[in-house]
Amino acid sequence: GCAMASDAFFPFPDNVDNAAEAGVTAIVQPGGSKKDDEVIAAADKHGIAMVFTGKRHFKH
């Protein structure tokens, strides 16, 4: 597998589903989405480890 990192949270679980199809086994992201629970459930469904950093990695 491979790891995937994002500089922003995952707003919807479909991103995790797509990552699983591509062979991702670990995701690093800041978290903070209103749908974090759904995103975590999708990761669990696919056996993907997910790490929340608690910090966004960009500024507007």
N, C-alpha and C. Protein backbone atom coordinates (compact mmCIF):
# COMPACT_ATOMS: atom_id res chain seq x y z
N GLY A 1 0.81 -1.18 0.00
CA GLY A 1 0.00 0.00 0.00
C GLY A 1 0.86 1.25 0.00
N CYS A 2 0.21 2.36 0.04
CA CYS A 2 0.90 3.65 0.08
C CYS A 2 0.18 4.57 1.05
N ALA A 3 0.85 5.66 1.41
CA ALA A 3 0.28 6.65 2.31
C ALA A 3 -0.15 7.87 1.51
N MET A 4 -1.13 8.58 2.03
CA MET A 4 -1.61 9.80 1.41
C MET A 4 -1.70 10.87 2.49
N ALA A 5 -1.26 12.08 2.16
CA ALA A 5 -1.35 13.20 3.10
C ALA A 5 -2.12 14.33 2.44
N SER A 6 -2.88 15.05 3.26
CA SER A 6 -3.66 16.18 2.76
C SER A 6 -3.40 17.39 3.64
N ASP A 7 -3.33 18.57 3.01
CA ASP A 7 -3.13 19.80 3.78
C ASP A 7 -4.44 20.37 4.30
N ALA A 8 -5.55 19.75 3.95
CA ALA A 8 -6.87 20.18 4.42
C ALA A 8 -7.69 18.95 4.80
N PHE A 9 -8.76 19.16 5.56
CA PHE A 9 -9.59 18.03 5.99
C PHE A 9 -10.33 17.40 4.82
N PHE A 10 -10.84 16.20 5.05
CA PHE A 10 -11.64 15.50 4.07
C PHE A 10 -13.11 15.85 4.34
N PRO A 11 -13.77 16.58 3.44
CA PRO A 11 -15.14 17.00 3.71
C PRO A 11 -16.18 15.89 3.53
N PHE A 12 -15.83 14.86 2.77
CA PHE A 12 -16.77 13.78 2.49
C PHE A 12 -16.04 12.44 2.49
N PRO A 13 -16.72 11.35 2.86
CA PRO A 13 -16.07 10.04 2.90
C PRO A 13 -15.74 9.45 1.53
N ASP A 14 -16.32 9.98 0.45
CA ASP A 14 -16.02 9.41 -0.87
C ASP A 14 -14.54 9.55 -1.23
N ASN A 15 -13.88 10.56 -0.67
CA ASN A 15 -12.44 10.70 -0.91
C ASN A 15 -11.68 9.50 -0.36
N VAL A 16 -12.11 8.99 0.77
CA VAL A 16 -11.47 7.82 1.37
C VAL A 16 -11.77 6.58 0.53
N ASP A 17 -12.99 6.47 0.03
CA ASP A 17 -13.34 5.34 -0.85
C ASP A 17 -12.45 5.33 -2.09
N ASN A 18 -12.25 6.50 -2.69
CA ASN A 18 -11.38 6.59 -3.88
C ASN A 18 -9.94 6.26 -3.53
N ALA A 19 -9.48 6.70 -2.38
CA ALA A 19 -8.12 6.39 -1.95
C ALA A 19 -7.94 4.89 -1.78
N ALA A 20 -8.93 4.23 -1.20
CA ALA A 20 -8.86 2.78 -1.01
C ALA A 20 -8.75 2.06 -2.35
N GLU A 21 -9.50 2.51 -3.34
CA GLU A 21 -9.44 1.91 -4.67
C GLU A 21 -8.05 2.05 -5.28
N ALA A 22 -7.34 3.11 -4.91
CA ALA A 22 -5.99 3.36 -5.43
C ALA A 22 -4.91 2.64 -4.63
N GLY A 23 -5.30 1.93 -3.56
CA GLY A 23 -4.33 1.16 -2.78
C GLY A 23 -3.77 1.88 -1.57
N VAL A 24 -4.36 3.00 -1.19
CA VAL A 24 -3.89 3.74 -0.01
C VAL A 24 -4.22 2.94 1.25
N THR A 25 -3.23 2.84 2.15
CA THR A 25 -3.43 2.11 3.41
C THR A 25 -3.29 3.01 4.64
N ALA A 26 -2.87 4.26 4.43
CA ALA A 26 -2.74 5.21 5.55
C ALA A 26 -2.98 6.63 5.03
N ILE A 27 -3.69 7.42 5.83
CA ILE A 27 -3.99 8.81 5.48
C ILE A 27 -3.61 9.71 6.65
N VAL A 28 -2.93 10.81 6.33
CA VAL A 28 -2.61 11.85 7.31
C VAL A 28 -3.36 13.11 6.88
N GLN A 29 -4.13 13.68 7.80
CA GLN A 29 -4.91 14.87 7.48
C GLN A 29 -5.15 15.67 8.76
N PRO A 30 -5.49 16.95 8.64
CA PRO A 30 -5.67 17.76 9.84
C PRO A 30 -6.96 17.48 10.61
N GLY A 31 -7.99 16.94 9.94
CA GLY A 31 -9.27 16.77 10.61
C GLY A 31 -9.99 18.10 10.75
N GLY A 32 -11.14 18.07 11.37
CA GLY A 32 -11.90 19.30 11.59
C GLY A 32 -13.14 19.44 10.74
N SER A 33 -13.43 18.43 9.92
CA SER A 33 -14.64 18.46 9.10
C SER A 33 -15.86 18.14 9.96
N LYS A 34 -17.00 18.69 9.59
CA LYS A 34 -18.24 18.34 10.27
C LYS A 34 -18.57 16.86 10.07
N LYS A 35 -17.96 16.26 9.05
CA LYS A 35 -18.24 14.86 8.73
C LYS A 35 -17.07 13.94 9.10
N ASP A 36 -16.23 14.36 10.05
CA ASP A 36 -15.11 13.51 10.47
C ASP A 36 -15.56 12.11 10.84
N ASP A 37 -16.70 11.98 11.54
CA ASP A 37 -17.18 10.65 11.94
C ASP A 37 -17.44 9.76 10.73
N GLU A 38 -18.02 10.33 9.66
CA GLU A 38 -18.28 9.56 8.44
C GLU A 38 -16.98 9.20 7.73
N VAL A 39 -16.03 10.12 7.74
CA VAL A 39 -14.73 9.89 7.10
C VAL A 39 -13.99 8.78 7.85
N ILE A 40 -14.02 8.82 9.17
CA ILE A 40 -13.38 7.78 9.98
C ILE A 40 -14.04 6.43 9.72
N ALA A 41 -15.35 6.40 9.63
CA ALA A 41 -16.07 5.15 9.35
C ALA A 41 -15.66 4.57 8.00
N ALA A 42 -15.48 5.43 7.00
CA ALA A 42 -15.04 4.96 5.68
C ALA A 42 -13.63 4.39 5.77
N ALA A 43 -12.75 5.05 6.51
CA ALA A 43 -11.39 4.54 6.67
C ALA A 43 -11.42 3.18 7.37
N ASP A 44 -12.21 3.07 8.42
CA ASP A 44 -12.33 1.79 9.13
C ASP A 44 -12.86 0.70 8.22
N LYS A 45 -13.85 1.04 7.39
CA LYS A 45 -14.45 0.07 6.47
C LYS A 45 -13.41 -0.52 5.53
N HIS A 46 -12.46 0.33 5.11
CA HIS A 46 -11.44 -0.10 4.16
C HIS A 46 -10.14 -0.55 4.83
N GLY A 47 -10.08 -0.53 6.15
CA GLY A 47 -8.86 -0.92 6.85
C GLY A 47 -7.73 0.08 6.68
N ILE A 48 -8.08 1.35 6.48
CA ILE A 48 -7.09 2.41 6.29
C ILE A 48 -6.80 3.07 7.64
N ALA A 49 -5.51 3.17 7.98
CA ALA A 49 -5.12 3.91 9.18
C ALA A 49 -5.25 5.40 8.88
N MET A 50 -5.79 6.15 9.84
CA MET A 50 -5.96 7.59 9.63
C MET A 50 -5.40 8.34 10.83
N VAL A 51 -4.53 9.31 10.55
CA VAL A 51 -3.91 10.13 11.59
C VAL A 51 -4.40 11.57 11.42
N PHE A 52 -4.87 12.16 12.51
CA PHE A 52 -5.29 13.55 12.51
C PHE A 52 -4.20 14.40 13.16
N THR A 53 -3.72 15.40 12.45
CA THR A 53 -2.67 16.27 12.99
C THR A 53 -3.23 17.39 13.85
N GLY A 54 -4.49 17.75 13.62
CA GLY A 54 -5.10 18.84 14.37
C GLY A 54 -4.63 20.22 13.92
N LYS A 55 -3.90 20.27 12.81
CA LYS A 55 -3.38 21.55 12.33
C LYS A 55 -3.51 21.61 10.81
N ARG A 56 -4.13 22.68 10.30
CA ARG A 56 -4.19 22.88 8.85
C ARG A 56 -2.83 23.33 8.37
N HIS A 57 -2.46 22.93 7.20
CA HIS A 57 -1.11 23.18 6.69
C HIS A 57 -1.08 24.22 5.58
N PHE A 58 -2.03 25.14 5.61
CA PHE A 58 -2.03 26.25 4.67
C PHE A 58 -2.79 27.41 5.29
N LYS A 59 -2.65 28.58 4.71
CA LYS A 59 -3.37 29.76 5.17
C LYS A 59 -4.02 30.44 3.98
N HIS A 60 -5.15 31.09 4.22
CA HIS A 60 -5.82 31.88 3.19
C HIS A 60 -5.49 33.32 3.38
